[in-house]
């Protein structure tokens, strides 16, 4: 998912460079949303891993 966020970020940068502000804003929003989702999933798995580690000990 982070790979897709990075791809949309690069598309946003390229579109902004060439003056396509609408495309640039849309892809930047998509990249931001995908990064947010990936961050939330990471935090959930981090909490689950910590809880599982305490259960083993």
PDB file of N, CA and C in Angstrom:
ATOM      1  N   UNK A   1       0.821  -1.177   0.000  1.00  0.00           N
ATOM      2  CA  UNK A   1       0.000   0.000   0.000  1.00  0.00           C
ATOM      3  C   UNK A   1       0.876   1.256   0.000  1.00  0.00           C
ATOM      4  N   UNK A   2       1.994   1.201   0.712  1.00  0.00           N
ATOM      5  CA  UNK A   2       2.898   2.341   0.690  1.00  0.00           C
ATOM      6  C   UNK A   2       3.495   2.550  -0.701  1.00  0.00           C
ATOM      7  N   UNK A   3       3.643   1.443  -1.441  1.00  0.00           N
ATOM      8  CA  UNK A   3       4.153   1.553  -2.807  1.00  0.00           C
ATOM      9  C   UNK A   3       3.179   2.361  -3.661  1.00  0.00           C
ATOM     10  N   UNK A   4       1.883   2.116  -3.511  1.00  0.00           N
ATOM     11  CA  UNK A   4       0.889   2.862  -4.279  1.00  0.00           C
ATOM     12  C   UNK A   4       0.847   4.322  -3.848  1.00  0.00           C
ATOM     13  N   UNK A   5       1.007   4.578  -2.559  1.00  0.00           N
ATOM     14  CA  UNK A   5       1.040   5.963  -2.089  1.00  0.00           C
ATOM     15  C   UNK A   5       2.230   6.697  -2.706  1.00  0.00           C
ATOM     16  N   UNK A   6       3.374   6.035  -2.769  1.00  0.00           N
ATOM     17  CA  UNK A   6       4.550   6.646  -3.375  1.00  0.00           C
ATOM     18  C   UNK A   6       4.340   6.883  -4.873  1.00  0.00           C
ATOM     19  N   UNK A   7       3.714   5.943  -5.559  1.00  0.00           N
ATOM     20  CA  UNK A   7       3.435   6.110  -6.990  1.00  0.00           C
ATOM     21  C   UNK A   7       2.528   7.312  -7.222  1.00  0.00           C
ATOM     22  N   UNK A   8       1.452   7.434  -6.431  1.00  0.00           N
ATOM     23  CA  UNK A   8       0.556   8.568  -6.595  1.00  0.00           C
ATOM     24  C   UNK A   8       1.245   9.881  -6.236  1.00  0.00           C
ATOM     25  N   UNK A   9       2.156   9.848  -5.269  1.00  0.00           N
ATOM     26  CA  UNK A   9       2.909  11.045  -4.913  1.00  0.00           C
ATOM     27  C   UNK A   9       3.789  11.497  -6.077  1.00  0.00           C
ATOM     28  N   UNK A  10       4.471  10.548  -6.712  1.00  0.00           N
ATOM     29  CA  UNK A  10       5.324  10.877  -7.862  1.00  0.00           C
ATOM     30  C   UNK A  10       4.485  11.423  -9.016  1.00  0.00           C
ATOM     31  N   UNK A  11       3.328  10.817  -9.272  1.00  0.00           N
ATOM     32  CA  UNK A  11       2.435  11.312 -10.321  1.00  0.00           C
ATOM     33  C   UNK A  11       1.991  12.731  -9.996  1.00  0.00           C
ATOM     34  N   UNK A  12       1.712  12.988  -8.737  1.00  0.00           N
ATOM     35  CA  UNK A  12       1.301  14.317  -8.308  1.00  0.00           C
ATOM     36  C   UNK A  12       2.406  15.338  -8.552  1.00  0.00           C
ATOM     37  N   UNK A  13       3.634  14.990  -8.226  1.00  0.00           N
ATOM     38  CA  UNK A  13       4.765  15.895  -8.438  1.00  0.00           C
ATOM     39  C   UNK A  13       4.949  16.184  -9.926  1.00  0.00           C
ATOM     40  N   UNK A  14       4.888  15.153 -10.747  1.00  0.00           N
ATOM     41  CA  UNK A  14       5.065  15.320 -12.195  1.00  0.00           C
ATOM     42  C   UNK A  14       3.929  16.153 -12.779  1.00  0.00           C
ATOM     43  N   UNK A  15       2.697  15.876 -12.374  1.00  0.00           N
ATOM     44  CA  UNK A  15       1.556  16.639 -12.883  1.00  0.00           C
ATOM     45  C   UNK A  15       1.626  18.098 -12.447  1.00  0.00           C
ATOM     46  N   UNK A  16       2.061  18.338 -11.231  1.00  0.00           N
ATOM     47  CA  UNK A  16       2.223  19.711 -10.764  1.00  0.00           C
ATOM     48  C   UNK A  16       3.304  20.447 -11.535  1.00  0.00           C
ATOM     49  N   UNK A  17       4.367  19.746 -11.888  1.00  0.00           N
ATOM     50  CA  UNK A  17       5.456  20.351 -12.651  1.00  0.00           C
ATOM     51  C   UNK A  17       4.981  20.784 -14.031  1.00  0.00           C
ATOM     52  N   UNK A  18       4.123  19.983 -14.651  1.00  0.00           N
ATOM     53  CA  UNK A  18       3.630  20.306 -15.981  1.00  0.00           C
ATOM     54  C   UNK A  18       2.392  21.195 -15.969  1.00  0.00           C
ATOM     55  N   UNK A  19       1.890  21.545 -14.790  1.00  0.00           N
ATOM     56  CA  UNK A  19       0.799  22.505 -14.705  1.00  0.00           C
ATOM     57  C   UNK A  19      -0.594  21.912 -14.622  1.00  0.00           C
ATOM     58  N   UNK A  20      -0.717  20.628 -14.459  1.00  0.00           N
ATOM     59  CA  UNK A  20      -2.024  20.002 -14.316  1.00  0.00           C
ATOM     60  C   UNK A  20      -2.412  20.026 -12.842  1.00  0.00           C
ATOM     61  N   UNK A  21      -2.883  21.156 -12.378  1.00  0.00           N
ATOM     62  CA  UNK A  21      -3.131  21.320 -10.943  1.00  0.00           C
ATOM     63  C   UNK A  21      -4.267  20.428 -10.440  1.00  0.00           C
ATOM     64  N   UNK A  22      -5.275  20.189 -11.261  1.00  0.00           N
ATOM     65  CA  UNK A  22      -6.381  19.316 -10.841  1.00  0.00           C
ATOM     66  C   UNK A  22      -5.930  17.889 -10.636  1.00  0.00           C
ATOM     67  N   UNK A  23      -5.158  17.389 -11.573  1.00  0.00           N
ATOM     68  CA  UNK A  23      -4.628  16.030 -11.473  1.00  0.00           C
ATOM     69  C   UNK A  23      -3.668  15.942 -10.298  1.00  0.00           C
ATOM     70  N   UNK A  24      -2.851  16.959 -10.151  1.00  0.00           N
ATOM     71  CA  UNK A  24      -1.880  16.979  -9.064  1.00  0.00           C
ATOM     72  C   UNK A  24      -2.570  16.939  -7.703  1.00  0.00           C
ATOM     73  N   UNK A  25      -3.601  17.728  -7.531  1.00  0.00           N
ATOM     74  CA  UNK A  25      -4.322  17.752  -6.251  1.00  0.00           C
ATOM     75  C   UNK A  25      -5.020  16.427  -5.981  1.00  0.00           C
ATOM     76  N   UNK A  26      -5.595  15.833  -7.018  1.00  0.00           N
ATOM     77  CA  UNK A  26      -6.306  14.562  -6.846  1.00  0.00           C
ATOM     78  C   UNK A  26      -5.347  13.441  -6.458  1.00  0.00           C
ATOM     79  N   UNK A  27      -4.222  13.352  -7.141  1.00  0.00           N
ATOM     80  CA  UNK A  27      -3.281  12.280  -6.825  1.00  0.00           C
ATOM     81  C   UNK A  27      -2.606  12.511  -5.470  1.00  0.00           C
ATOM     82  N   UNK A  28      -2.405  13.770  -5.105  1.00  0.00           N
ATOM     83  CA  UNK A  28      -1.842  14.049  -3.779  1.00  0.00           C
ATOM     84  C   UNK A  28      -2.816  13.618  -2.687  1.00  0.00           C
ATOM     85  N   UNK A  29      -4.100  13.831  -2.910  1.00  0.00           N
ATOM     86  CA  UNK A  29      -5.111  13.399  -1.947  1.00  0.00           C
ATOM     87  C   UNK A  29      -5.147  11.880  -1.834  1.00  0.00           C
ATOM     88  N   UNK A  30      -5.079  11.196  -2.963  1.00  0.00           N
ATOM     89  CA  UNK A  30      -5.066   9.731  -2.954  1.00  0.00           C
ATOM     90  C   UNK A  30      -3.839   9.223  -2.211  1.00  0.00           C
ATOM     91  N   UNK A  31      -2.678   9.822  -2.482  1.00  0.00           N
ATOM     92  CA  UNK A  31      -1.444   9.403  -1.800  1.00  0.00           C
ATOM     93  C   UNK A  31      -1.558   9.624  -0.298  1.00  0.00           C
ATOM     94  N   UNK A  32      -2.143  10.738   0.104  1.00  0.00           N
ATOM     95  CA  UNK A  32      -2.290  11.043   1.536  1.00  0.00           C
ATOM     96  C   UNK A  32      -3.221  10.033   2.212  1.00  0.00           C
ATOM     97  N   UNK A  33      -4.314   9.691   1.546  1.00  0.00           N
ATOM     98  CA  UNK A  33      -5.267   8.728   2.106  1.00  0.00           C
ATOM     99  C   UNK A  33      -4.631   7.343   2.230  1.00  0.00           C
ATOM    100  N   UNK A  34      -3.938   6.905   1.183  1.00  0.00           N
ATOM    101  CA  UNK A  34      -3.297   5.591   1.232  1.00  0.00           C
ATOM    102  C   UNK A  34      -2.220   5.528   2.308  1.00  0.00           C
ATOM    103  N   UNK A  35      -1.460   6.604   2.478  1.00  0.00           N
ATOM    104  CA  UNK A  35      -0.461   6.634   3.528  1.00  0.00           C
ATOM    105  C   UNK A  35      -1.115   6.575   4.899  1.00  0.00           C
ATOM    106  N   UNK A  36      -2.219   7.281   5.071  1.00  0.00           N
ATOM    107  CA  UNK A  36      -2.944   7.245   6.345  1.00  0.00           C
ATOM    108  C   UNK A  36      -3.465   5.853   6.667  1.00  0.00           C
ATOM    109  N   UNK A  37      -4.011   5.191   5.669  1.00  0.00           N
ATOM    110  CA  UNK A  37      -4.522   3.834   5.869  1.00  0.00           C
ATOM    111  C   UNK A  37      -3.377   2.889   6.238  1.00  0.00           C
ATOM    112  N   UNK A  38      -2.250   3.002   5.533  1.00  0.00           N
ATOM    113  CA  UNK A  38      -1.094   2.150   5.832  1.00  0.00           C
ATOM    114  C   UNK A  38      -0.581   2.411   7.246  1.00  0.00           C
ATOM    115  N   UNK A  39      -0.582   3.658   7.673  1.00  0.00           N
ATOM    116  CA  UNK A  39      -0.137   3.999   9.018  1.00  0.00           C
ATOM    117  C   UNK A  39      -1.056   3.408  10.077  1.00  0.00           C
ATOM    118  N   UNK A  40      -2.354   3.466   9.863  1.00  0.00           N
ATOM    119  CA  UNK A  40      -3.318   2.894  10.810  1.00  0.00           C
ATOM    120  C   UNK A  40      -3.146   1.378  10.896  1.00  0.00           C
ATOM    121  N   UNK A  41      -2.985   0.731   9.747  1.00  0.00           N
ATOM    122  CA  UNK A  41      -2.795  -0.725   9.741  1.00  0.00           C
ATOM    123  C   UNK A  41      -1.507  -1.090  10.481  1.00  0.00           C
ATOM    124  N   UNK A  42      -0.440  -0.315  10.264  1.00  0.00           N
ATOM    125  CA  UNK A  42       0.818  -0.560  10.969  1.00  0.00           C
ATOM    126  C   UNK A  42       0.628  -0.450  12.474  1.00  0.00           C
ATOM    127  N   UNK A  43      -0.060   0.585  12.920  1.00  0.00           N
ATOM    128  CA  UNK A  43      -0.270   0.764  14.358  1.00  0.00           C
ATOM    129  C   UNK A  43      -1.103  -0.367  14.960  1.00  0.00           C
ATOM    130  N   UNK A  44      -2.113  -0.820  14.233  1.00  0.00           N
ATOM    131  CA  UNK A  44      -2.944  -1.934  14.715  1.00  0.00           C
ATOM    132  C   UNK A  44      -2.085  -3.186  14.882  1.00  0.00           C
ATOM    133  N   UNK A  45      -1.275  -3.498  13.867  1.00  0.00           N
ATOM    134  CA  UNK A  45      -0.435  -4.688  13.956  1.00  0.00           C
ATOM    135  C   UNK A  45       0.641  -4.543  15.022  1.00  0.00           C
ATOM    136  N   UNK A  46       1.130  -3.336  15.243  1.00  0.00           N
ATOM    137  CA  UNK A  46       2.107  -3.115  16.296  1.00  0.00           C
ATOM    138  C   UNK A  46       1.511  -3.397  17.668  1.00  0.00           C
ATOM    139  N   UNK A  47       0.303  -2.916  17.906  1.00  0.00           N
ATOM    140  CA  UNK A  47      -0.376  -3.163  19.187  1.00  0.00           C
ATOM    141  C   UNK A  47      -0.657  -4.647  19.346  1.00  0.00           C
ATOM    142  N   UNK A  48      -1.119  -5.307  18.299  1.00  0.00           N
ATOM    143  CA  UNK A  48      -1.390  -6.741  18.373  1.00  0.00           C
ATOM    144  C   UNK A  48      -0.114  -7.535  18.666  1.00  0.00           C
ATOM    145  N   UNK A  49       0.998  -7.138  18.060  1.00  0.00           N
ATOM    146  CA  UNK A  49       2.267  -7.840  18.286  1.00  0.00           C
ATOM    147  C   UNK A  49       2.730  -7.656  19.727  1.00  0.00           C
ATOM    148  N   UNK A  50       2.575  -6.449  20.253  1.00  0.00           N
ATOM    149  CA  UNK A  50       2.967  -6.210  21.640  1.00  0.00           C
ATOM    150  C   UNK A  50       2.105  -6.996  22.603  1.00  0.00           C
ATOM    151  N   UNK A  51       0.816  -7.093  22.322  1.00  0.00           N
ATOM    152  CA  UNK A  51      -0.081  -7.857  23.177  1.00  0.00           C
ATOM    153  C   UNK A  51       0.226  -9.346  23.103  1.00  0.00           C
ATOM    154  N   UNK A  52       0.553  -9.837  21.923  1.00  0.00           N
ATOM    155  CA  UNK A  52       0.894 -11.248  21.772  1.00  0.00           C
ATOM    156  C   UNK A  52       2.205 -11.568  22.464  1.00  0.00           C
ATOM    157  N   UNK A  53       3.156 -10.638  22.401  1.00  0.00           N
ATOM    158  CA  UNK A  53       4.439 -10.841  23.067  1.00  0.00           C
ATOM    159  C   UNK A  53       4.287 -10.925  24.569  1.00  0.00           C
ATOM    160  N   UNK A  54       3.385 -10.134  25.147  1.00  0.00           N
ATOM    161  CA  UNK A  54       3.146 -10.188  26.595  1.00  0.00           C
ATOM    162  C   UNK A  54       2.454 -11.486  26.983  1.00  0.00           C
ATOM    163  N   UNK A  55       1.612 -12.006  26.095  1.00  0.00           N
ATOM    164  CA  UNK A  55       0.896 -13.260  26.405  1.00  0.00           C
ATOM    165  C   UNK A  55       1.862 -14.441  26.419  1.00  0.00           C
ATOM    166  N   UNK A  56       2.909 -14.398  25.595  1.00  0.00           N
ATOM    167  CA  UNK A  56       3.873 -15.487  25.534  1.00  0.00           C
ATOM    168  C   UNK A  56       4.748 -15.487  26.787  1.00  0.00           C
ATOM    169  N   UNK A  57       5.127 -14.311  27.251  1.00  0.00           N
ATOM    170  CA  UNK A  57       5.988 -14.212  28.422  1.00  0.00           C
ATOM    171  C   UNK A  57       5.173 -14.553  29.626  1.00  0.00           C
TER     172      UNK A  57
END
